[in-house]
Amino acid sequence: MSNLDDVISLIECKISRVIQVAERLRCDNEQLKRQVDELSGLFDAKSLEVTVLESKYQSLKLTKTLASSSEDVKIVKLQVNQMVREIDKCIALLNR
């Protein structure tokens, strides 16, 4: 009978350790999920910031080109045409 009690006690001890490990892993998992959500939000914000900065850069580049000599008029026209095409593509995507 003592041997059976020892086996039961050992099983209870192991079950207790498994429960502790599972709880710790559950807490770690929740923490990692929060961290993923936080980093995802940060990534989205930075992506938006990059898009805005790229747009500002394109505008600045166009402004600089417009301010340059009349020889660059052809380049300016090409850039304006490219921007118009991009706007047309965006409008077409919105109309879908």
C-alpha atoms as a PDB file:
ATOM      1  CA  MET A   1       0.000   0.000   0.000  1.00  0.00           C
ATOM      2  CA  SER A   2       2.868   2.339   0.783  1.00  0.00           C
ATOM      3  CA  ASN A   3       4.276   1.794  -2.689  1.00  0.00           C
ATOM      4  CA  LEU A   4       0.949   2.796  -4.232  1.00  0.00           C
ATOM      5  CA  ASP A   5       0.830   5.941  -2.078  1.00  0.00           C
ATOM      6  CA  ASP A   6       4.347   6.834  -3.229  1.00  0.00           C
ATOM      7  CA  VAL A   7       3.345   6.432  -6.883  1.00  0.00           C
ATOM      8  CA  ILE A   8       0.236   8.553  -6.396  1.00  0.00           C
ATOM      9  CA  SER A   9       2.264  11.222  -4.592  1.00  0.00           C
ATOM     10  CA  LEU A  10       4.845  11.246  -7.394  1.00  0.00           C
ATOM     11  CA  ILE A  11       2.111  11.576 -10.042  1.00  0.00           C
ATOM     12  CA  GLU A  12       0.484  14.443  -8.120  1.00  0.00           C
ATOM     13  CA  CYS A  13       3.842  16.199  -7.873  1.00  0.00           C
ATOM     14  CA  LYS A  14       4.482  15.836 -11.602  1.00  0.00           C
ATOM     15  CA  ILE A  15       0.966  17.040 -12.433  1.00  0.00           C
ATOM     16  CA  SER A  16       1.526  20.065 -10.219  1.00  0.00           C
ATOM     17  CA  ARG A  17       4.776  20.881 -12.054  1.00  0.00           C
ATOM     18  CA  VAL A  18       3.083  20.478 -15.436  1.00  0.00           C
ATOM     19  CA  ILE A  19       0.315  22.858 -14.345  1.00  0.00           C
ATOM     20  CA  GLN A  20       2.906  25.410 -13.183  1.00  0.00           C
ATOM     21  CA  VAL A  21       4.802  25.179 -16.462  1.00  0.00           C
ATOM     22  CA  ALA A  22       1.579  25.485 -18.463  1.00  0.00           C
ATOM     23  CA  GLU A  23       0.554  28.593 -16.501  1.00  0.00           C
ATOM     24  CA  ARG A  24       3.977  30.185 -16.991  1.00  0.00           C
ATOM     25  CA  LEU A  25       3.827  29.440 -20.719  1.00  0.00           C
ATOM     26  CA  ARG A  26       0.319  30.907 -20.909  1.00  0.00           C
ATOM     27  CA  CYS A  27       1.565  34.132 -19.285  1.00  0.00           C
ATOM     28  CA  ASP A  28       4.566  34.256 -21.620  1.00  0.00           C
ATOM     29  CA  ASN A  29       2.271  33.725 -24.602  1.00  0.00           C
ATOM     30  CA  GLU A  30      -0.013  36.583 -23.540  1.00  0.00           C
ATOM     31  CA  GLN A  31       2.980  38.874 -23.076  1.00  0.00           C
ATOM     32  CA  LEU A  32       4.302  37.969 -26.525  1.00  0.00           C
ATOM     33  CA  LYS A  33       0.880  38.603 -28.082  1.00  0.00           C
ATOM     34  CA  ARG A  34       0.793  42.071 -26.496  1.00  0.00           C
ATOM     35  CA  GLN A  35       4.294  42.728 -27.783  1.00  0.00           C
ATOM     36  CA  VAL A  36       3.307  41.615 -31.299  1.00  0.00           C
ATOM     37  CA  ASP A  37       0.274  43.930 -31.229  1.00  0.00           C
ATOM     38  CA  GLU A  38       2.425  46.838 -30.045  1.00  0.00           C
ATOM     39  CA  LEU A  39       5.086  46.231 -32.686  1.00  0.00           C
ATOM     40  CA  SER A  40       2.447  45.804 -35.376  1.00  0.00           C
ATOM     41  CA  GLY A  41       0.963  49.187 -34.480  1.00  0.00           C
ATOM     42  CA  LEU A  42       4.421  50.746 -34.504  1.00  0.00           C
ATOM     43  CA  PHE A  43       5.130  49.190 -37.897  1.00  0.00           C
ATOM     44  CA  ASP A  44       1.878  50.546 -39.323  1.00  0.00           C
ATOM     45  CA  ALA A  45       2.673  54.021 -37.994  1.00  0.00           C
ATOM     46  CA  LYS A  46       6.176  53.944 -39.462  1.00  0.00           C
ATOM     47  CA  SER A  47       4.869  52.674 -42.798  1.00  0.00           C
ATOM     48  CA  LEU A  48       2.434  55.572 -42.930  1.00  0.00           C
ATOM     49  CA  GLU A  49       5.231  57.968 -42.012  1.00  0.00           C
ATOM     50  CA  VAL A  50       7.407  56.580 -44.816  1.00  0.00           C
ATOM     51  CA  THR A  51       4.555  57.012 -47.296  1.00  0.00           C
ATOM     52  CA  VAL A  52       4.040  60.627 -46.226  1.00  0.00           C
ATOM     53  CA  LEU A  53       7.766  61.358 -46.430  1.00  0.00           C
ATOM     54  CA  GLU A  54       8.006  59.769 -49.879  1.00  0.00           C
ATOM     55  CA  SER A  55       5.127  61.946 -51.045  1.00  0.00           C
ATOM     56  CA  LYS A  56       6.797  65.055 -49.614  1.00  0.00           C
ATOM     57  CA  TYR A  57      10.055  64.056 -51.286  1.00  0.00           C
ATOM     58  CA  GLN A  58       8.344  63.668 -54.658  1.00  0.00           C
ATOM     59  CA  SER A  59       6.694  67.083 -54.234  1.00  0.00           C
ATOM     60  CA  LEU A  60      10.001  68.668 -53.284  1.00  0.00           C
ATOM     61  CA  LYS A  61      11.714  67.038 -56.226  1.00  0.00           C
ATOM     62  CA  LEU A  62       9.006  68.323 -58.556  1.00  0.00           C
ATOM     63  CA  THR A  63       9.231  71.811 -57.061  1.00  0.00           C
ATOM     64  CA  LYS A  64      12.982  71.823 -57.488  1.00  0.00           C
ATOM     65  CA  THR A  65      12.621  70.690 -61.068  1.00  0.00           C
ATOM     66  CA  LEU A  66      10.044  73.396 -61.763  1.00  0.00           C
ATOM     67  CA  ALA A  67      12.364  76.017 -60.337  1.00  0.00           C
ATOM     68  CA  SER A  68      15.218  74.953 -62.592  1.00  0.00           C
ATOM     69  CA  SER A  69      15.970  76.214 -66.071  1.00  0.00           C
ATOM     70  CA  SER A  70      13.629  75.998 -69.050  1.00  0.00           C
ATOM     71  CA  GLU A  71      15.706  73.161 -70.488  1.00  0.00           C
ATOM     72  CA  ASP A  72      14.221  70.883 -67.881  1.00  0.00           C
ATOM     73  CA  VAL A  73      10.633  71.558 -68.968  1.00  0.00           C
ATOM     74  CA  LYS A  74      10.507  68.212 -70.751  1.00  0.00           C
ATOM     75  CA  ILE A  75      11.517  66.404 -67.562  1.00  0.00           C
ATOM     76  CA  VAL A  76       8.856  68.298 -65.620  1.00  0.00           C
ATOM     77  CA  LYS A  77       6.204  67.372 -68.165  1.00  0.00           C
ATOM     78  CA  LEU A  78       7.193  63.722 -67.950  1.00  0.00           C
ATOM     79  CA  GLN A  79       6.993  63.807 -64.166  1.00  0.00           C
ATOM     80  CA  VAL A  80       3.612  65.529 -64.219  1.00  0.00           C
ATOM     81  CA  ASN A  81       2.322  62.981 -66.732  1.00  0.00           C
ATOM     82  CA  GLN A  82       3.588  60.162 -64.512  1.00  0.00           C
ATOM     83  CA  MET A  83       1.808  61.666 -61.502  1.00  0.00           C
ATOM     84  CA  VAL A  84      -1.411  62.023 -63.510  1.00  0.00           C
ATOM     85  CA  ARG A  85      -1.183  58.369 -64.540  1.00  0.00           C
ATOM     86  CA  GLU A  86      -0.677  57.329 -60.908  1.00  0.00           C
ATOM     87  CA  ILE A  87      -3.684  59.411 -59.859  1.00  0.00           C
ATOM     88  CA  ASP A  88      -5.759  57.835 -62.637  1.00  0.00           C
ATOM     89  CA  LYS A  89      -4.748  54.366 -61.414  1.00  0.00           C
ATOM     90  CA  CYS A  90      -5.785  55.279 -57.869  1.00  0.00           C
ATOM     91  CA  ILE A  91      -9.129  56.588 -59.060  1.00  0.00           C
ATOM     92  CA  ALA A  92      -9.672  53.424 -61.084  1.00  0.00           C
ATOM     93  CA  LEU A  93      -8.926  51.301 -57.998  1.00  0.00           C
ATOM     94  CA  LEU A  94     -11.358  53.357 -55.922  1.00  0.00           C
ATOM     95  CA  ASN A  95     -14.090  52.946 -58.523  1.00  0.00           C
ATOM     96  CA  ARG A  96     -13.934  49.140 -58.409  1.00  0.00           C
END
